[in-house]
Amino acid sequence: MKIRILLCSLAFALSAIPGLRADDGDTELQMKMQKMSENFRPLRNQLADATKNADSLAKVATIKENATAALKLTPIKIAAMPAADQPKALEGFKAELQKLITKLDDLTAALKAGKNDEATKIYADLGAIQKEGHTEYKASGKKK
């Protein structure tokens, strides 16, 4: 009998863990940015290798998909601003994302053309855009 109670308690506790994870404060935008980051990091090491272009293109497509979805979302930092300042800041955020998306299109074209040296240079530009965007629009504090 005690074992059944223990096992039931354990099963209940384990079933609550996913609920705790989902409620860790991540917004939809943070999840999109995390997905972009997960695909962005490995690109640096594989862009020079033309044999990995198919995988690189898949990663770029995932980044672009999430960046495009992020255009419809508002960063926490902007949401916390006074209402009068939000439209201008949101416009800047969207412009920065659009710049990223345009550069991702350039990266896709370079990879499809087999121009991996050019793709590596474009990646560096993407890193600069990312850094600039995070400096301006990412809320300070929790970093993933």
C-alpha atoms as a PDB file:
ATOM      1  CA  MET A   1       0.000   0.000   0.000  1.00  0.00           C
ATOM      2  CA  LYS A   2       2.777   2.440   0.895  1.00  0.00           C
ATOM      3  CA  ILE A   3       4.533   1.642  -2.372  1.00  0.00           C
ATOM      4  CA  ARG A   4       1.379   2.489  -4.340  1.00  0.00           C
ATOM      5  CA  ILE A   5       1.086   5.834  -2.574  1.00  0.00           C
ATOM      6  CA  LEU A   6       4.754   6.524  -3.194  1.00  0.00           C
ATOM      7  CA  LEU A   7       4.499   5.584  -6.880  1.00  0.00           C
ATOM      8  CA  CYS A   8       1.336   7.672  -7.333  1.00  0.00           C
ATOM      9  CA  SER A   9       2.995  10.636  -5.653  1.00  0.00           C
ATOM     10  CA  LEU A  10       6.070  10.236  -7.822  1.00  0.00           C
ATOM     11  CA  ALA A  11       3.989   9.961 -10.999  1.00  0.00           C
ATOM     12  CA  PHE A  12       2.047  13.077 -10.040  1.00  0.00           C
ATOM     13  CA  ALA A  13       5.214  15.019  -9.301  1.00  0.00           C
ATOM     14  CA  LEU A  14       6.788  14.001 -12.609  1.00  0.00           C
ATOM     15  CA  SER A  15       3.662  14.951 -14.529  1.00  0.00           C
ATOM     16  CA  ALA A  16       3.851  18.459 -13.037  1.00  0.00           C
ATOM     17  CA  ILE A  17       7.410  19.058 -14.296  1.00  0.00           C
ATOM     18  CA  PRO A  18       6.428  19.923 -17.904  1.00  0.00           C
ATOM     19  CA  GLY A  19       3.958  22.438 -16.516  1.00  0.00           C
ATOM     20  CA  LEU A  20       6.698  24.074 -14.511  1.00  0.00           C
ATOM     21  CA  ARG A  21       8.946  24.275 -17.568  1.00  0.00           C
ATOM     22  CA  ALA A  22       6.250  25.866 -19.712  1.00  0.00           C
ATOM     23  CA  ASP A  23       5.655  28.515 -17.071  1.00  0.00           C
ATOM     24  CA  ASP A  24       9.254  29.711 -16.775  1.00  0.00           C
ATOM     25  CA  GLY A  25       8.440  33.133 -18.174  1.00  0.00           C
ATOM     26  CA  ASP A  26       9.479  32.555 -21.779  1.00  0.00           C
ATOM     27  CA  THR A  27       7.413  34.542 -24.204  1.00  0.00           C
ATOM     28  CA  GLU A  28       6.615  33.410 -27.713  1.00  0.00           C
ATOM     29  CA  LEU A  29       9.240  35.851 -29.001  1.00  0.00           C
ATOM     30  CA  GLN A  30      11.888  34.414 -26.690  1.00  0.00           C
ATOM     31  CA  MET A  31      11.082  30.924 -27.946  1.00  0.00           C
ATOM     32  CA  LYS A  32      11.411  32.100 -31.582  1.00  0.00           C
ATOM     33  CA  MET A  33      14.728  33.763 -30.791  1.00  0.00           C
ATOM     34  CA  GLN A  34      15.956  30.633 -29.008  1.00  0.00           C
ATOM     35  CA  LYS A  35      15.091  28.530 -32.059  1.00  0.00           C
ATOM     36  CA  MET A  36      16.973  31.011 -34.255  1.00  0.00           C
ATOM     37  CA  SER A  37      19.989  30.850 -31.952  1.00  0.00           C
ATOM     38  CA  GLU A  38      20.007  27.042 -31.945  1.00  0.00           C
ATOM     39  CA  ASN A  39      20.326  27.086 -35.726  1.00  0.00           C
ATOM     40  CA  PHE A  40      22.576  30.145 -36.021  1.00  0.00           C
ATOM     41  CA  ARG A  41      25.449  28.900 -33.870  1.00  0.00           C
ATOM     42  CA  PRO A  42      26.255  25.686 -35.807  1.00  0.00           C
ATOM     43  CA  LEU A  43      26.329  27.561 -39.114  1.00  0.00           C
ATOM     44  CA  ARG A  44      29.617  29.255 -38.273  1.00  0.00           C
ATOM     45  CA  ASN A  45      31.451  25.936 -38.274  1.00  0.00           C
ATOM     46  CA  GLN A  46      29.873  24.465 -41.386  1.00  0.00           C
ATOM     47  CA  LEU A  47      29.495  27.349 -43.856  1.00  0.00           C
ATOM     48  CA  ALA A  48      32.962  26.859 -45.326  1.00  0.00           C
ATOM     49  CA  ASP A  49      32.189  23.193 -46.071  1.00  0.00           C
ATOM     50  CA  ALA A  50      30.268  22.920 -49.361  1.00  0.00           C
ATOM     51  CA  THR A  51      29.311  19.321 -48.550  1.00  0.00           C
ATOM     52  CA  LYS A  52      27.130  20.653 -45.720  1.00  0.00           C
ATOM     53  CA  ASN A  53      25.266  23.224 -47.826  1.00  0.00           C
ATOM     54  CA  ALA A  54      21.992  21.272 -47.694  1.00  0.00           C
ATOM     55  CA  ASP A  55      22.053  21.264 -43.895  1.00  0.00           C
ATOM     56  CA  SER A  56      23.139  24.909 -43.844  1.00  0.00           C
ATOM     57  CA  LEU A  57      20.220  25.838 -46.108  1.00  0.00           C
ATOM     58  CA  ALA A  58      17.821  24.021 -43.780  1.00  0.00           C
ATOM     59  CA  LYS A  59      19.201  25.928 -40.788  1.00  0.00           C
ATOM     60  CA  VAL A  60      18.942  29.254 -42.635  1.00  0.00           C
ATOM     61  CA  ALA A  61      15.337  28.428 -43.581  1.00  0.00           C
ATOM     62  CA  THR A  62      14.492  27.729 -39.938  1.00  0.00           C
ATOM     63  CA  ILE A  63      16.106  30.991 -38.846  1.00  0.00           C
ATOM     64  CA  LYS A  64      14.202  32.913 -41.516  1.00  0.00           C
ATOM     65  CA  GLU A  65      10.913  31.236 -40.600  1.00  0.00           C
ATOM     66  CA  ASN A  66      11.327  32.224 -36.951  1.00  0.00           C
ATOM     67  CA  ALA A  67      12.510  35.745 -37.807  1.00  0.00           C
ATOM     68  CA  THR A  68       9.466  36.235 -40.029  1.00  0.00           C
ATOM     69  CA  ALA A  69       7.174  34.998 -37.248  1.00  0.00           C
ATOM     70  CA  ALA A  70       8.938  37.342 -34.797  1.00  0.00           C
ATOM     71  CA  LEU A  71       7.880  40.324 -36.932  1.00  0.00           C
ATOM     72  CA  LYS A  72       4.387  39.889 -35.490  1.00  0.00           C
ATOM     73  CA  LEU A  73       5.566  39.894 -31.860  1.00  0.00           C
ATOM     74  CA  THR A  74       6.593  42.580 -29.386  1.00  0.00           C
ATOM     75  CA  PRO A  75       9.742  42.348 -27.252  1.00  0.00           C
ATOM     76  CA  ILE A  76       9.327  42.616 -23.472  1.00  0.00           C
ATOM     77  CA  LYS A  77      11.596  45.667 -23.452  1.00  0.00           C
ATOM     78  CA  ILE A  78       9.273  47.511 -25.845  1.00  0.00           C
ATOM     79  CA  ALA A  79       6.123  46.392 -24.037  1.00  0.00           C
ATOM     80  CA  ALA A  80       7.536  47.880 -20.829  1.00  0.00           C
ATOM     81  CA  MET A  81       8.097  51.282 -22.449  1.00  0.00           C
ATOM     82  CA  PRO A  82       5.639  54.148 -22.115  1.00  0.00           C
ATOM     83  CA  ALA A  83       2.815  53.755 -24.635  1.00  0.00           C
ATOM     84  CA  ALA A  84       3.905  56.863 -26.537  1.00  0.00           C
ATOM     85  CA  ASP A  85       7.374  55.397 -27.196  1.00  0.00           C
ATOM     86  CA  GLN A  86       6.255  51.920 -28.215  1.00  0.00           C
ATOM     87  CA  PRO A  87       5.278  52.510 -31.880  1.00  0.00           C
ATOM     88  CA  LYS A  88       8.655  54.013 -32.822  1.00  0.00           C
ATOM     89  CA  ALA A  89      10.577  51.316 -30.942  1.00  0.00           C
ATOM     90  CA  LEU A  90       8.451  48.548 -32.490  1.00  0.00           C
ATOM     91  CA  GLU A  91       9.064  50.023 -35.932  1.00  0.00           C
ATOM     92  CA  GLY A  92      12.817  49.944 -35.258  1.00  0.00           C
ATOM     93  CA  PHE A  93      12.607  46.349 -34.025  1.00  0.00           C
ATOM     94  CA  LYS A  94      10.763  45.277 -37.166  1.00  0.00           C
ATOM     95  CA  ALA A  95      13.250  47.144 -39.381  1.00  0.00           C
ATOM     96  CA  GLU A  96      16.121  45.335 -37.660  1.00  0.00           C
ATOM     97  CA  LEU A  97      14.419  41.968 -38.194  1.00  0.00           C
ATOM     98  CA  GLN A  98      13.736  42.842 -41.821  1.00  0.00           C
ATOM     99  CA  LYS A  99      17.438  43.645 -42.260  1.00  0.00           C
ATOM    100  CA  LEU A 100      18.226  40.205 -40.818  1.00  0.00           C
ATOM    101  CA  ILE A 101      15.735  38.505 -43.149  1.00  0.00           C
ATOM    102  CA  THR A 102      17.207  40.269 -46.186  1.00  0.00           C
ATOM    103  CA  LYS A 103      20.693  39.133 -45.199  1.00  0.00           C
ATOM    104  CA  LEU A 104      19.380  35.576 -44.704  1.00  0.00           C
ATOM    105  CA  ASP A 105      18.104  35.704 -48.288  1.00  0.00           C
ATOM    106  CA  ASP A 106      21.605  36.738 -49.389  1.00  0.00           C
ATOM    107  CA  LEU A 107      23.057  33.832 -47.418  1.00  0.00           C
ATOM    108  CA  THR A 108      20.606  31.410 -49.018  1.00  0.00           C
ATOM    109  CA  ALA A 109      21.535  32.657 -52.497  1.00  0.00           C
ATOM    110  CA  ALA A 110      25.260  32.323 -51.771  1.00  0.00           C
ATOM    111  CA  LEU A 111      24.845  28.764 -50.482  1.00  0.00           C
ATOM    112  CA  LYS A 112      22.693  27.728 -53.444  1.00  0.00           C
ATOM    113  CA  ALA A 113      25.327  29.141 -55.800  1.00  0.00           C
ATOM    114  CA  GLY A 114      28.073  27.253 -53.967  1.00  0.00           C
ATOM    115  CA  LYS A 115      29.793  30.487 -52.917  1.00  0.00           C
ATOM    116  CA  ASN A 116      30.789  29.379 -49.447  1.00  0.00           C
ATOM    117  CA  ASP A 117      33.461  32.071 -49.008  1.00  0.00           C
ATOM    118  CA  GLU A 118      30.801  34.700 -49.643  1.00  0.00           C
ATOM    119  CA  ALA A 119      28.422  32.853 -47.292  1.00  0.00           C
ATOM    120  CA  THR A 120      31.029  33.053 -44.516  1.00  0.00           C
ATOM    121  CA  LYS A 121      31.284  36.836 -44.973  1.00  0.00           C
ATOM    122  CA  ILE A 122      27.495  37.166 -44.935  1.00  0.00           C
ATOM    123  CA  TYR A 123      27.429  35.169 -41.704  1.00  0.00           C
ATOM    124  CA  ALA A 124      29.706  37.778 -40.128  1.00  0.00           C
ATOM    125  CA  ASP A 125      27.265  40.483 -41.236  1.00  0.00           C
ATOM    126  CA  LEU A 126      24.419  38.493 -39.683  1.00  0.00           C
ATOM    127  CA  GLY A 127      26.335  38.333 -36.414  1.00  0.00           C
ATOM    128  CA  ALA A 128      26.706  42.115 -36.409  1.00  0.00           C
ATOM    129  CA  ILE A 129      22.981  42.570 -37.103  1.00  0.00           C
ATOM    130  CA  GLN A 130      22.159  40.137 -34.297  1.00  0.00           C
ATOM    131  CA  LYS A 131      24.411  41.940 -31.837  1.00  0.00           C
ATOM    132  CA  GLU A 132      22.986  45.337 -32.766  1.00  0.00           C
ATOM    133  CA  GLY A 133      19.418  44.061 -32.420  1.00  0.00           C
ATOM    134  CA  HIS A 134      20.065  42.435 -29.069  1.00  0.00           C
ATOM    135  CA  THR A 135      21.775  45.546 -27.741  1.00  0.00           C
ATOM    136  CA  GLU A 136      18.808  47.680 -28.689  1.00  0.00           C
ATOM    137  CA  TYR A 137      15.791  45.418 -28.105  1.00  0.00           C
ATOM    138  CA  LYS A 138      16.644  42.498 -25.808  1.00  0.00           C
ATOM    139  CA  ALA A 139      15.583  42.923 -22.201  1.00  0.00           C
ATOM    140  CA  SER A 140      18.516  42.690 -19.835  1.00  0.00           C
ATOM    141  CA  GLY A 141      18.618  39.888 -17.339  1.00  0.00           C
ATOM    142  CA  LYS A 142      17.897  36.283 -18.246  1.00  0.00           C
ATOM    143  CA  LYS A 143      20.210  35.030 -20.975  1.00  0.00           C
ATOM    144  CA  LYS A 144      19.850  31.672 -22.652  1.00  0.00           C
END
